[in-house]
Every structure is written in structure tokens, then in C-alpha cells.
C-alpha atoms as a PDB file:
ATOM      1  CA  UNK A   1     106.373 161.540-119.110  1.00  0.00           C
ATOM      2  CA  UNK A   2     103.016 162.306-120.681  1.00  0.00           C
ATOM      3  CA  UNK A   3     101.897 161.911-124.306  1.00  0.00           C
ATOM      4  CA  UNK A   4     102.949 165.423-125.320  1.00  0.00           C
ATOM      5  CA  UNK A   5     106.450 164.951-123.894  1.00  0.00           C
ATOM      6  CA  UNK A   6     106.704 161.538-125.586  1.00  0.00           C
ATOM      7  CA  UNK A   7     105.771 163.064-128.954  1.00  0.00           C
ATOM      8  CA  UNK A   8     108.481 165.734-128.526  1.00  0.00           C
ATOM      9  CA  UNK A   9     111.086 163.098-127.583  1.00  0.00           C
ATOM     10  CA  UNK A  10     110.163 160.900-130.570  1.00  0.00           C
ATOM     11  CA  UNK A  11     110.313 163.901-132.909  1.00  0.00           C
ATOM     12  CA  UNK A  12     113.771 164.855-131.667  1.00  0.00           C
ATOM     13  CA  UNK A  13     115.168 161.289-131.786  1.00  0.00           C
ATOM     14  CA  UNK A  14     113.850 160.526-135.256  1.00  0.00           C
ATOM     15  CA  UNK A  15     114.394 164.029-136.649  1.00  0.00           C
ATOM     16  CA  UNK A  16     110.803 164.442-137.857  1.00  0.00           C
ATOM     17  CA  UNK A  17     108.200 167.085-137.092  1.00  0.00           C
ATOM     18  CA  UNK A  18     106.121 166.894-133.928  1.00  0.00           C
ATOM     19  CA  UNK A  19     103.035 166.528-136.117  1.00  0.00           C
ATOM     20  CA  UNK A  20     104.483 163.466-137.885  1.00  0.00           C
ATOM     21  CA  UNK A  21     105.676 161.976-134.589  1.00  0.00           C
ATOM     22  CA  UNK A  22     102.187 162.391-133.133  1.00  0.00           C
ATOM     23  CA  UNK A  23     100.663 160.647-136.176  1.00  0.00           C
ATOM     24  CA  UNK A  24     103.086 157.735-135.780  1.00  0.00           C
ATOM     25  CA  UNK A  25     102.358 157.413-132.056  1.00  0.00           C
ATOM     26  CA  UNK A  26      98.603 157.560-132.703  1.00  0.00           C
ATOM     27  CA  UNK A  27      98.895 154.912-135.440  1.00  0.00           C
ATOM     28  CA  UNK A  28     100.952 152.681-133.123  1.00  0.00           C
ATOM     29  CA  UNK A  29      98.397 152.847-130.310  1.00  0.00           C
ATOM     30  CA  UNK A  30      95.515 152.217-132.733  1.00  0.00           C
ATOM     31  CA  UNK A  31      97.198 149.182-134.308  1.00  0.00           C
ATOM     32  CA  UNK A  32      98.085 147.708-130.901  1.00  0.00           C
ATOM     33  CA  UNK A  33      94.505 148.246-129.679  1.00  0.00           C
ATOM     34  CA  UNK A  34      92.974 146.709-132.806  1.00  0.00           C
ATOM     35  CA  UNK A  35      95.214 143.652-132.695  1.00  0.00           C
ATOM     36  CA  UNK A  36      94.605 143.076-128.974  1.00  0.00           C
ATOM     37  CA  UNK A  37      90.863 143.409-129.580  1.00  0.00           C
ATOM     38  CA  UNK A  38      91.169 140.585-132.134  1.00  0.00           C
ATOM     39  CA  UNK A  39      93.044 138.501-129.550  1.00  0.00           C
ATOM     40  CA  UNK A  40      96.368 138.775-131.383  1.00  0.00           C
ATOM     41  CA  UNK A  41      99.755 139.034-129.686  1.00  0.00           C
ATOM     42  CA  UNK A  42     102.271 141.747-130.646  1.00  0.00           C
ATOM     43  CA  UNK A  43     105.898 140.842-130.112  1.00  0.00           C
ATOM     44  CA  UNK A  44     108.620 143.490-130.420  1.00  0.00           C
ATOM     45  CA  UNK A  45     111.918 141.639-130.034  1.00  0.00           C
ATOM     46  CA  UNK A  46     114.163 143.400-127.537  1.00  0.00           C
ATOM     47  CA  UNK A  47     111.312 145.540-126.214  1.00  0.00           C
ATOM     48  CA  UNK A  48     108.438 143.347-125.087  1.00  0.00           C
ATOM     49  CA  UNK A  49     105.143 141.659-125.838  1.00  0.00           C
ATOM     50  CA  UNK A  50     101.605 143.014-125.766  1.00  0.00           C
ATOM     51  CA  UNK A  51      98.911 140.372-125.280  1.00  0.00           C
ATOM     52  CA  UNK A  52      95.440 139.795-123.868  1.00  0.00           C
ATOM     53  CA  UNK A  53      95.058 138.065-120.528  1.00  0.00           C
ATOM     54  CA  UNK A  54      91.824 136.164-119.839  1.00  0.00           C
ATOM     55  CA  UNK A  55      90.397 136.482-116.338  1.00  0.00           C
ATOM     56  CA  UNK A  56      87.921 133.796-115.283  1.00  0.00           C
ATOM     57  CA  UNK A  57      84.692 134.612-113.468  1.00  0.00           C
ATOM     58  CA  UNK A  58      85.067 134.394-109.718  1.00  0.00           C
ATOM     59  CA  UNK A  59      83.324 135.105-106.449  1.00  0.00           C
ATOM     60  CA  UNK A  60      84.400 138.131-104.458  1.00  0.00           C
ATOM     61  CA  UNK A  61      83.220 140.183-101.508  1.00  0.00           C
ATOM     62  CA  UNK A  62      82.033 143.747-101.323  1.00  0.00           C
ATOM     63  CA  UNK A  63      84.531 145.223 -98.835  1.00  0.00           C
ATOM     64  CA  UNK A  64      81.955 147.681 -97.500  1.00  0.00           C
ATOM     65  CA  UNK A  65      79.084 145.296 -96.765  1.00  0.00           C
ATOM     66  CA  UNK A  66      80.863 141.916 -96.783  1.00  0.00           C
ATOM     67  CA  UNK A  67      78.230 140.669 -99.225  1.00  0.00           C
ATOM     68  CA  UNK A  68      79.328 137.985-101.697  1.00  0.00           C
ATOM     69  CA  UNK A  69      79.161 138.935-105.363  1.00  0.00           C
ATOM     70  CA  UNK A  70      80.050 137.393-108.701  1.00  0.00           C
ATOM     71  CA  UNK A  71      82.854 139.099-110.603  1.00  0.00           C
ATOM     72  CA  UNK A  72      82.296 138.370-114.316  1.00  0.00           C
ATOM     73  CA  UNK A  73      84.969 136.989-116.649  1.00  0.00           C
ATOM     74  CA  UNK A  74      86.956 139.664-118.482  1.00  0.00           C
ATOM     75  CA  UNK A  75      89.926 140.297-120.712  1.00  0.00           C
ATOM     76  CA  UNK A  76      92.777 142.635-119.806  1.00  0.00           C
ATOM     77  CA  UNK A  77      95.680 143.981-121.867  1.00  0.00           C
ATOM     78  CA  UNK A  78      99.067 142.869-120.609  1.00  0.00           C
ATOM     79  CA  UNK A  79     102.636 143.944-121.374  1.00  0.00           C
ATOM     80  CA  UNK A  80     105.628 141.749-120.651  1.00  0.00           C
ATOM     81  CA  UNK A  81     109.003 143.482-120.919  1.00  0.00           C
ATOM     82  CA  UNK A  82     111.678 141.807-123.037  1.00  0.00           C
ATOM     83  CA  UNK A  83     115.154 140.932-121.789  1.00  0.00           C
ATOM     84  CA  UNK A  84     116.862 143.859-123.537  1.00  0.00           C
ATOM     85  CA  UNK A  85     114.436 146.360-121.972  1.00  0.00           C
ATOM     86  CA  UNK A  86     114.882 144.786-118.531  1.00  0.00           C
ATOM     87  CA  UNK A  87     118.659 144.986-118.925  1.00  0.00           C
ATOM     88  CA  UNK A  88     118.510 148.697-119.852  1.00  0.00           C
ATOM     89  CA  UNK A  89     116.245 149.493-116.896  1.00  0.00           C
ATOM     90  CA  UNK A  90     118.449 147.564-114.452  1.00  0.00           C
ATOM     91  CA  UNK A  91     121.749 148.997-115.730  1.00  0.00           C
END
């Protein structure tokens, strides 16, 4: 499912226009992005949790040349599914 199909599905489920559904989806993604950027955690009970995962700096190898290189520390967004979502998927 792509973004356009998701907007259509949201519009049908919530009985709003596609335009309004797209605004809501856009607002949701912006708020999640902003909060993760601040290092906040977003918990949606029954659905899951969005959070930032810290990756420490480490040494790696270039697979092509075998040369050692330093991989810098970074942050990555992470989603952990909640129990209710897992149950629906596994049903």
C-alpha cells in the first residue's frame, strides 16, 4: 500500500474527504518526525511505539577493499509494534 492508497482507505474508514484525510496523515507524519527529532517517544497504546535508537560509533570494513573504516555514531527511528497489533497480524 502506498501513500495515495492509504489516504483513500483512511478517507473511507473515517467518512471524510480524501483532502482532509491527506491533511491528517501529513500532520501525523510531521508531528512524529518533530517529536523524534527532539528525542521524544510516541506511544500509541494497542498500536506501538515510535522512538529514537542511538547507534554508537564503531569500526567496520569496506567490503570492496577490506580497508578498515570508522562508522560514526548516529540516531535511527525505530518502531516497536504493540501487543494488540501483533495479535491482529498473527490472527
